[in-house]
Amino acid sequence: MIKLSGVRKSFGAVEVIQGVDIEVEDGEFTVFVGPSGCGKSTLLRMIAGLESIDGGDLILNGKRINDVPPDQRGIAMVFQSYALYPHMTVGQNIGFSLDLKKVPKAEIAREVGRVAELLQLSDLLDRRPAELSGGQRQRVAIGRAIIKRPRVILFDEPLSNLDAALRVQMRAELQNLHQELRPTIVYVTHDQIEAMTMATRIVVLNKGKVEQWDTPIALYTDPVNTFVASFIGSPRMNLVSGSIAGDTAGQVFKADAGWTARLDGHSVAGAIGQRATLGIRPEDIRPVDDVAQADLSGAIAIVERLGAETYLNVRDGQDTLLVRAQGDLALSPGAPVQLALNHSAFHLFDQSGRVIAA
């Protein structure tokens, strides 16, 4: 288990990690996500021992390891760049750490064979990195990390150099690796789709602070603020500015664009008269033909027909709403459209961006 308690890190006068408190349970697949510059890679390097800790404690299995050298932590790391030795074969790259420890050659060969079979590299052991594809090189880098049977494996954006198809393939392979070996994995990415599909839990970072830390679905369904709401989910959540009106018997959201929506089932009586932001996922908005069923009307700006679903960018006079509709809709830019909202799926945030009802 990894525990970070009040961990801080500064570069000069800039504090890039501002008191992070999280725990990664044994065998978990935890993913750090956030925009560029949020501190996720720095936090990962602090766990690895490649960056010093200026404040707080880093605990591994109950032992404080702030000052333990990287090679004594039992942690392996896979970097964004494959960092393979070009003059060595695949087998030599994978077994290099055991060779450094003077492990007998027969045992190295046995371990390299085991790892190569797990990562589907058995037919490539005699090739050099220049003869491999990007996905194959990444598997070699992973093999070099796991051959040491580490307690913890750290991944720093390992798929960012791969094309879209290879990223999908490697996501599946990393999930299979985790199920096979059950190591504790901490994984850094800016791609929230990677996070949603692989993680046991996700840590959302912003400007060196933890915004929210939970399971992928909990982050999707119950974001605590507008930052998490807009960052988690692809396509992102629609955020509409307005205010809350009504009385204790019932409240409505009044969008600045002029339309209103009932807030049935949302306990926001204490926020009547206050400015607010309404969040709604694209899949919770649907085009309708009946004006009586619609919450608002607008004009279509962009149509993206993907076959199984259609994305619409709809202007309501002030905001642009993204709509994810099932099936293929033969609609054209400029056409008027009526939209119905799923009221039970509303998220409401106050002026500071914190959730007031979900």
Foldseek 3Di string as FASTA:
>chain_A
DKWWAQWWDDDVPAIQAGGETDDFDQLFAEEEAEDPSLCQVVVLCQLLQNDATPDTFIDDPRRTCRPPHNVPPLEFEQEQPLPFDQVAFLLCRLLVVVVVVVNDPVVSVVLSCVLCVLLVNNVRRGHGPVPDDLLVSLSSSVSSRCSSVGLEYEYEANCPVDDPVSVVVVLVSVQSVSVVSSHRYYYYDNDLVSVLVRGQKYFYGGSNYTQDIGGLVCLAQPPFFPVSQQSRDVNGKDKFKFAWADAPVFIWTAGPLGFIGTQPPWPCRVRHPAIKIKIDHQAQKDWDDDLVQFRAKFFWADWDFPAQWIWTFTDRRDDTHIHIGGGGDPDDGGHMTGMHGDSVRMWMAHPVGGTPTD
